[in-house]
Amino acid sequence: MTALTAAALQYYTGQGKVWIATRQGQGGPINGPWRFVGDVPELMLDFGKQKMVTIEESITGFGGTSAFYSVAIPASFTLQLLSWQQQNLQLALYGTYAGANAGGTVTGESVTAYNSGQFYAQNIGISNVSVTPVAGQVGSIAVTQGAGYTTAPTVTIAAPPSGGTQATAVATLVSAADITIQITNPGSGYTTAPAVTLTGGGFTTAATATATLTTATALVSGTDYTVSSQFGAIVPMASTFWSQLAPTAPVNMTLAYSYAANQGTVNPLAGSQQEVAIRLDGLNVADPQPGGLFGAVAIELKRCALQLPKSLGFLSKKEEMFPLDGMTMLDPLATDGAPYMKITQA
């Protein structure tokens, strides 16, 4: 019997860098560079789902085990990443990512606005913002007052040409000779100002109303709206333009603005599941080497399929790790006798 020597005793506490390379699907070759994914405090392999078969013996009368063997050894893995870089999110969330954006300008971006809350440009870090109502909506309704009203009349706005949306409004009775009208939906597609009809209300003298359409004239920054540039938020102000719109009345707008450089956008669930190769260039800090070095450990998972994380925390009072999970699979291209993974120690 060979005795253990000090050189044969080796313990393990791992640190190191994790790299990921994409592969073509269905076991194809690596088709991208190895990419450092940032600080990874945990890389775990889990063989807990392996399928075992137990054959009971029938000799002793106790039904003990005669044979116990594995018929399937699936290995799942978990990476806990600290770097929320876009490429990591793109891989884990089956997303698309077009890379960092150098910034630029936008014209004619369509948005729906409400006077009861802010609305957003599609980019962050915006400046030089111009907000312009889309022409052909009912922008205001002027009232020629009547007299003797006991209840608020019903307001009917004529329909637009085919393809448009009919505007709606409601009247409020302030006094017998004072009616105000608030637009609940400015409609769309009007080419001329529609007729506005007031019915009911028990008047002695009928009030009348006249609509005016929106035009493609930009609103005034600092009067009609302010801009929260960091997140691309545009905040309506109390102004003449908004005063006749109900809080839930949707107004179609077009935006023009400049936007700052950013790290890019990830569109989750817009891509497909990825196959990757994973490599740990590790150090065994429990294995000090001469010259102040540690023992090297290289671990390669040849072919892995990524799965969506069970959860992802976007608000937290502590530093959030980013899970990257999946299953190891057979690499049909392996030529080194290691079809799933290999571990090499210095």
Protein backbone atom coordinates (compact mmCIF):
# COMPACT_ATOMS: atom_id res chain seq x y z
CA MET A 1 0.00 0.00 0.00
CA THR A 2 1.41 3.37 -1.02
CA ALA A 3 1.37 5.97 1.74
CA LEU A 4 0.04 9.44 1.09
CA THR A 5 2.71 12.10 0.87
CA ALA A 6 2.42 15.84 1.39
CA ALA A 7 2.61 16.34 -2.38
CA ALA A 8 -0.34 13.99 -2.88
CA LEU A 9 -2.58 15.92 -0.48
CA GLN A 10 -4.45 18.64 -2.26
CA TYR A 11 -7.35 20.77 -1.08
CA TYR A 12 -9.41 23.16 -3.13
CA THR A 13 -10.67 26.70 -2.79
CA GLY A 14 -11.36 28.07 -6.23
CA GLN A 15 -11.12 31.51 -7.70
CA GLY A 16 -10.52 32.67 -11.25
CA LYS A 17 -11.99 34.03 -14.45
CA VAL A 18 -14.96 32.61 -16.33
CA TRP A 19 -15.11 32.90 -20.12
CA ILE A 20 -18.01 32.10 -22.45
CA ALA A 21 -18.02 31.47 -26.18
CA THR A 22 -21.15 30.96 -28.28
CA ARG A 23 -21.61 27.81 -30.35
CA GLN A 24 -23.70 27.07 -33.37
CA GLY A 25 -26.85 25.25 -32.37
CA GLN A 26 -27.35 21.49 -32.48
CA GLY A 27 -23.79 20.78 -31.44
CA GLY A 28 -22.06 22.99 -33.97
CA PRO A 29 -18.60 24.48 -33.45
CA ILE A 30 -17.68 27.56 -31.46
CA ASN A 31 -18.56 30.56 -33.63
CA GLY A 32 -17.50 33.51 -31.52
CA PRO A 33 -14.63 34.71 -29.34
CA TRP A 34 -14.17 33.71 -25.71
CA ARG A 35 -15.65 36.60 -23.69
CA PHE A 36 -14.83 37.42 -20.07
CA VAL A 37 -18.17 37.67 -18.21
CA GLY A 38 -16.95 39.57 -15.18
CA ASP A 39 -16.67 38.59 -11.55
CA VAL A 40 -18.22 35.15 -10.89
CA PRO A 41 -18.36 34.18 -7.20
CA GLU A 42 -19.95 30.79 -7.90
CA LEU A 43 -19.79 28.08 -10.57
CA MET A 44 -21.61 24.93 -9.52
CA LEU A 45 -22.25 21.59 -11.22
CA ASP A 46 -25.30 19.62 -10.10
CA PHE A 47 -25.64 15.89 -10.76
CA GLY A 48 -28.72 15.62 -8.54
CA LYS A 49 -31.03 14.67 -11.42
CA GLN A 50 -29.13 11.54 -12.37
CA LYS A 51 -31.34 8.48 -12.85
CA MET A 52 -30.39 5.44 -10.81
CA VAL A 53 -31.76 1.90 -11.07
CA THR A 54 -31.98 -0.35 -8.00
CA ILE A 55 -32.35 -4.12 -8.44
CA GLU A 56 -33.57 -5.90 -5.32
CA GLU A 57 -32.17 -9.30 -4.50
CA SER A 58 -34.57 -12.13 -3.66
CA ILE A 59 -32.17 -14.51 -1.97
CA THR A 60 -32.05 -13.49 1.68
CA GLY A 61 -35.70 -12.64 2.17
CA PHE A 62 -34.84 -9.06 3.13
CA GLY A 63 -35.19 -7.60 -0.35
CA GLY A 64 -31.82 -5.90 -0.16
CA THR A 65 -29.95 -4.33 -3.04
CA SER A 66 -28.40 -6.64 -5.56
CA ALA A 67 -27.34 -3.95 -8.02
CA PHE A 68 -27.39 -0.17 -8.10
CA TYR A 69 -26.32 1.66 -11.24
CA SER A 70 -26.82 4.83 -13.21
CA VAL A 71 -28.69 4.88 -16.50
CA ALA A 72 -28.51 8.65 -17.08
CA ILE A 73 -26.19 11.32 -15.69
CA PRO A 74 -27.50 14.77 -16.64
CA ALA A 75 -25.40 17.60 -15.25
CA SER A 76 -26.83 21.06 -14.77
CA PHE A 77 -24.75 24.10 -13.93
CA THR A 78 -25.24 27.47 -12.28
CA LEU A 79 -23.12 30.57 -12.71
CA GLN A 80 -23.70 33.45 -10.34
CA LEU A 81 -22.47 36.57 -12.09
CA LEU A 82 -21.96 39.99 -10.52
CA SER A 83 -21.63 41.79 -13.85
CA TRP A 84 -24.96 42.88 -15.35
CA GLN A 85 -23.38 43.64 -18.69
CA GLN A 86 -25.72 43.56 -21.66
CA GLN A 87 -24.17 40.48 -23.26
CA ASN A 88 -24.81 38.48 -20.08
CA LEU A 89 -28.45 39.58 -20.00
CA GLN A 90 -28.84 38.83 -23.68
CA LEU A 91 -27.64 35.25 -23.23
CA ALA A 92 -29.70 34.44 -20.15
CA LEU A 93 -32.94 36.10 -21.32
CA TYR A 94 -32.95 34.74 -24.89
CA GLY A 95 -32.62 38.31 -26.08
CA THR A 96 -31.10 40.38 -28.82
CA TYR A 97 -28.39 42.97 -28.34
CA ALA A 98 -27.01 45.23 -31.03
CA GLY A 99 -24.08 46.63 -29.06
CA ALA A 100 -23.28 50.01 -27.57
CA ASN A 101 -24.94 53.05 -29.10
CA ALA A 102 -22.88 56.13 -29.88
CA GLY A 103 -25.86 58.46 -29.52
CA GLY A 104 -27.65 60.42 -32.20
CA THR A 105 -30.87 62.20 -33.10
CA VAL A 106 -34.46 61.09 -33.56
CA THR A 107 -37.22 62.75 -35.56
CA GLY A 108 -40.84 61.72 -35.92
CA GLU A 109 -40.99 59.30 -32.99
CA SER A 110 -44.65 58.49 -32.22
CA VAL A 111 -45.89 58.50 -28.61
CA THR A 112 -49.21 58.69 -26.79
CA ALA A 113 -49.36 61.36 -24.11
CA TYR A 114 -51.71 62.12 -21.21
CA ASN A 115 -51.86 65.28 -19.17
CA SER A 116 -52.12 63.30 -15.94
CA GLY A 117 -48.60 61.89 -16.03
CA GLN A 118 -45.29 61.82 -17.78
CA PHE A 119 -44.62 59.99 -21.03
CA TYR A 120 -41.35 58.68 -22.39
CA ALA A 121 -39.04 58.91 -25.36
CA GLN A 122 -37.61 55.59 -26.49
CA ASN A 123 -34.07 56.58 -25.44
CA ILE A 124 -32.40 57.82 -22.29
CA GLY A 125 -30.15 60.82 -21.84
CA ILE A 126 -32.29 63.00 -24.12
CA SER A 127 -31.88 66.72 -24.91
CA ASN A 128 -33.15 69.32 -27.40
CA VAL A 129 -36.62 67.80 -27.10
CA SER A 130 -39.43 68.95 -29.39
CA VAL A 131 -43.01 67.74 -28.71
CA THR A 132 -45.53 68.21 -31.51
CA PRO A 133 -49.21 67.16 -31.51
CA VAL A 134 -50.31 65.10 -34.48
CA ALA A 135 -52.63 67.18 -36.70
CA GLY A 136 -56.26 66.15 -37.04
CA GLN A 137 -57.19 65.69 -33.38
CA VAL A 138 -59.74 67.79 -31.50
CA GLY A 139 -57.53 70.12 -29.50
CA SER A 140 -60.07 72.45 -27.94
CA ILE A 141 -63.79 73.20 -27.78
CA ALA A 142 -64.99 76.76 -27.28
CA VAL A 143 -68.41 77.30 -25.69
CA THR A 144 -70.84 80.13 -26.39
CA GLN A 145 -72.80 80.12 -23.16
CA GLY A 146 -76.58 79.78 -22.95
CA ALA A 147 -78.84 80.19 -19.95
CA GLY A 148 -81.23 78.29 -17.72
CA TYR A 149 -79.40 74.96 -17.66
CA THR A 150 -80.39 72.65 -14.83
CA THR A 151 -78.16 69.71 -15.79
CA ALA A 152 -75.11 69.35 -17.97
CA PRO A 153 -75.92 68.71 -21.64
CA THR A 154 -74.69 65.71 -23.61
CA VAL A 155 -71.80 66.48 -25.98
CA THR A 156 -71.60 64.75 -29.37
CA ILE A 157 -68.70 65.31 -31.74
CA ALA A 158 -69.17 64.35 -35.39
CA ALA A 159 -67.17 61.39 -36.70
CA PRO A 160 -64.06 61.88 -38.85
CA PRO A 161 -63.64 60.53 -42.37
CA SER A 162 -63.24 56.79 -42.80
CA GLY A 163 -60.20 55.45 -40.97
CA GLY A 164 -60.20 58.00 -38.17
CA THR A 165 -61.30 57.76 -34.54
CA GLN A 166 -64.32 59.70 -33.34
CA ALA A 167 -63.62 62.24 -30.61
CA THR A 168 -65.62 62.36 -27.39
CA ALA A 169 -66.16 64.97 -24.69
CA VAL A 170 -68.24 65.62 -21.57
CA ALA A 171 -69.82 68.81 -20.23
CA THR A 172 -69.83 70.03 -16.65
CA LEU A 173 -72.46 72.42 -15.33
CA VAL A 174 -70.82 75.17 -13.29
CA SER A 175 -73.96 77.31 -13.15
CA ALA A 176 -77.15 77.79 -15.16
CA ALA A 177 -75.21 79.96 -17.62
CA ASP A 178 -71.77 78.41 -17.35
CA ILE A 179 -70.87 75.14 -19.03
CA THR A 180 -67.34 73.78 -19.41
CA ILE A 181 -66.38 70.98 -21.80
CA GLN A 182 -63.55 68.54 -21.30
CA ILE A 183 -62.28 66.34 -24.13
CA THR A 184 -62.15 62.68 -23.11
CA ASN A 185 -60.74 61.45 -26.43
CA PRO A 186 -59.42 63.89 -29.05
CA GLY A 187 -59.96 61.34 -31.83
CA SER A 188 -57.84 61.22 -34.95
CA GLY A 189 -58.00 61.58 -38.71
CA TYR A 190 -60.05 64.77 -38.89
CA THR A 191 -59.43 66.92 -41.95
CA THR A 192 -61.86 69.70 -40.97
CA ALA A 193 -63.17 70.76 -37.58
CA PRO A 194 -66.15 68.55 -36.70
CA ALA A 195 -69.54 69.79 -35.60
CA VAL A 196 -70.17 69.72 -31.85
CA THR A 197 -73.77 69.22 -30.70
CA LEU A 198 -75.09 69.89 -27.20
CA THR A 199 -78.38 68.18 -26.30
CA GLY A 200 -80.51 68.22 -23.16
CA GLY A 201 -79.88 70.10 -19.96
CA GLY A 202 -83.23 71.93 -19.56
CA PHE A 203 -81.96 75.26 -20.91
CA THR A 204 -83.90 78.42 -21.65
CA THR A 205 -81.23 79.59 -24.08
CA ALA A 206 -79.15 76.93 -25.83
CA ALA A 207 -75.38 77.00 -25.61
CA THR A 208 -73.29 76.18 -28.66
CA ALA A 209 -69.81 74.72 -29.03
CA THR A 210 -67.10 74.91 -31.70
CA ALA A 211 -64.17 72.52 -32.07
CA THR A 212 -60.65 73.42 -33.14
CA LEU A 213 -58.24 70.81 -34.47
CA THR A 214 -54.65 70.30 -33.45
CA THR A 215 -51.96 71.33 -35.92
CA ALA A 216 -48.41 70.14 -36.30
CA THR A 217 -47.10 73.05 -34.26
CA ALA A 218 -44.56 72.21 -31.55
CA LEU A 219 -45.50 72.79 -27.92
CA VAL A 220 -43.38 75.16 -25.89
CA SER A 221 -40.73 73.71 -23.59
CA GLY A 222 -41.00 75.21 -20.11
CA THR A 223 -44.62 76.21 -20.72
CA ASP A 224 -46.30 73.03 -21.94
CA TYR A 225 -43.78 70.47 -20.70
CA THR A 226 -40.50 69.86 -18.92
CA VAL A 227 -37.95 67.12 -19.60
CA SER A 228 -36.36 64.70 -17.15
CA SER A 229 -33.46 63.99 -19.47
CA GLN A 230 -31.70 61.13 -17.68
CA PHE A 231 -34.52 58.62 -18.25
CA GLY A 232 -36.19 60.24 -21.25
CA ALA A 233 -39.30 61.37 -19.36
CA ILE A 234 -41.43 64.27 -20.61
CA VAL A 235 -43.71 65.86 -18.01
CA PRO A 236 -46.81 67.89 -19.03
CA MET A 237 -47.29 71.25 -17.31
CA ALA A 238 -50.51 73.08 -16.48
CA SER A 239 -50.98 75.03 -19.70
CA THR A 240 -53.65 76.04 -22.17
CA PHE A 241 -52.95 73.05 -24.40
CA TRP A 242 -53.60 70.49 -21.67
CA SER A 243 -56.39 72.31 -19.83
CA GLN A 244 -59.28 70.95 -21.95
CA LEU A 245 -58.06 67.36 -21.93
CA ALA A 246 -59.35 64.85 -19.39
CA PRO A 247 -56.60 63.02 -17.44
CA THR A 248 -57.25 59.83 -19.42
CA ALA A 249 -57.53 61.47 -22.85
CA PRO A 250 -54.84 60.00 -25.15
CA VAL A 251 -53.13 62.55 -27.38
CA ASN A 252 -50.94 61.43 -30.27
CA MET A 253 -47.59 63.22 -30.40
CA THR A 254 -44.38 63.11 -32.41
CA LEU A 255 -41.03 63.66 -30.71
CA ALA A 256 -37.73 64.97 -32.00
CA TYR A 257 -34.63 64.95 -29.78
CA SER A 258 -30.97 64.13 -29.36
CA TYR A 259 -29.87 61.26 -27.15
CA ALA A 260 -26.59 60.50 -25.45
CA ALA A 261 -24.32 57.50 -25.95
CA ASN A 262 -25.35 54.41 -24.01
CA GLN A 263 -24.35 50.81 -23.49
CA GLY A 264 -27.08 49.51 -25.75
CA THR A 265 -30.44 47.84 -25.31
CA VAL A 266 -31.30 44.23 -24.56
CA ASN A 267 -34.62 42.95 -25.90
CA PRO A 268 -35.49 39.88 -23.77
CA LEU A 269 -37.31 36.96 -25.41
CA ALA A 270 -36.67 38.42 -28.85
CA GLY A 271 -33.93 35.95 -29.74
CA SER A 272 -33.46 32.23 -29.23
CA GLN A 273 -31.92 29.88 -26.69
CA GLN A 274 -28.14 29.83 -27.05
CA GLU A 275 -25.61 27.03 -26.94
CA VAL A 276 -22.33 28.07 -25.36
CA ALA A 277 -19.01 26.74 -24.15
CA ILE A 278 -17.92 27.76 -20.64
CA ARG A 279 -14.34 27.85 -19.37
CA LEU A 280 -12.92 28.59 -15.94
CA ASP A 281 -9.30 29.69 -15.86
CA GLY A 282 -9.04 29.01 -12.15
CA LEU A 283 -6.65 29.27 -9.27
CA ASN A 284 -6.64 26.85 -6.36
CA VAL A 285 -5.77 29.21 -3.53
CA ALA A 286 -5.49 26.19 -1.21
CA ASP A 287 -2.55 25.02 -3.32
CA PRO A 288 0.26 27.59 -2.99
CA GLN A 289 3.13 27.20 -5.43
CA PRO A 290 6.74 28.42 -5.32
CA GLY A 291 7.21 32.06 -6.24
CA GLY A 292 3.94 33.23 -4.63
CA LEU A 293 1.71 31.57 -7.24
CA PHE A 294 -1.25 29.26 -6.84
CA GLY A 295 -2.02 26.02 -8.61
CA ALA A 296 -3.79 26.42 -11.94
CA VAL A 297 -7.10 24.68 -12.59
CA ALA A 298 -8.72 24.75 -16.02
CA ILE A 299 -12.34 23.59 -16.24
CA GLU A 300 -14.17 23.49 -19.55
CA LEU A 301 -17.84 22.69 -20.07
CA LYS A 302 -17.83 21.82 -23.76
CA ARG A 303 -21.43 22.34 -24.83
CA CYS A 304 -24.11 23.96 -22.69
CA ALA A 305 -27.71 25.01 -23.30
CA LEU A 306 -28.84 28.05 -21.32
CA GLN A 307 -32.22 28.19 -19.63
CA LEU A 308 -34.20 31.20 -18.46
CA PRO A 309 -33.49 32.13 -14.83
CA LYS A 310 -36.22 31.27 -12.35
CA SER A 311 -36.10 34.82 -11.03
CA LEU A 312 -34.23 38.04 -11.62
CA GLY A 313 -34.16 40.83 -9.04
CA PHE A 314 -34.14 44.35 -10.46
CA LEU A 315 -34.81 46.19 -7.18
CA SER A 316 -32.87 45.33 -4.06
CA LYS A 317 -31.18 46.85 -1.04
CA LYS A 318 -28.11 44.71 -1.61
CA GLU A 319 -25.84 43.75 -4.43
CA GLU A 320 -27.69 41.39 -6.78
CA MET A 321 -26.02 38.46 -8.46
CA PHE A 322 -27.09 37.48 -11.93
CA PRO A 323 -27.91 33.77 -12.45
CA LEU A 324 -26.88 32.00 -15.63
CA ASP A 325 -28.17 28.43 -15.55
CA GLY A 326 -28.41 25.53 -17.95
CA MET A 327 -27.56 21.96 -18.84
CA THR A 328 -24.35 20.39 -20.12
CA MET A 329 -24.76 18.32 -23.29
CA LEU A 330 -22.74 15.91 -25.35
CA ASP A 331 -20.26 17.63 -27.66
CA PRO A 332 -20.31 15.61 -30.90
CA LEU A 333 -17.17 17.43 -32.08
CA ALA A 334 -14.99 16.52 -29.10
CA THR A 335 -11.77 14.74 -30.12
CA ASP A 336 -9.91 14.71 -26.78
CA GLY A 337 -11.84 11.94 -25.04
CA ALA A 338 -13.90 14.43 -23.03
CA PRO A 339 -17.37 14.66 -24.65
CA TYR A 340 -18.94 16.72 -21.86
CA MET A 341 -16.30 18.50 -19.80
CA LYS A 342 -12.75 18.27 -18.60
CA ILE A 343 -10.85 19.36 -15.51
CA THR A 344 -7.09 19.93 -15.71
CA GLN A 345 -4.99 20.69 -12.65
CA ALA A 346 -1.40 21.96 -12.52
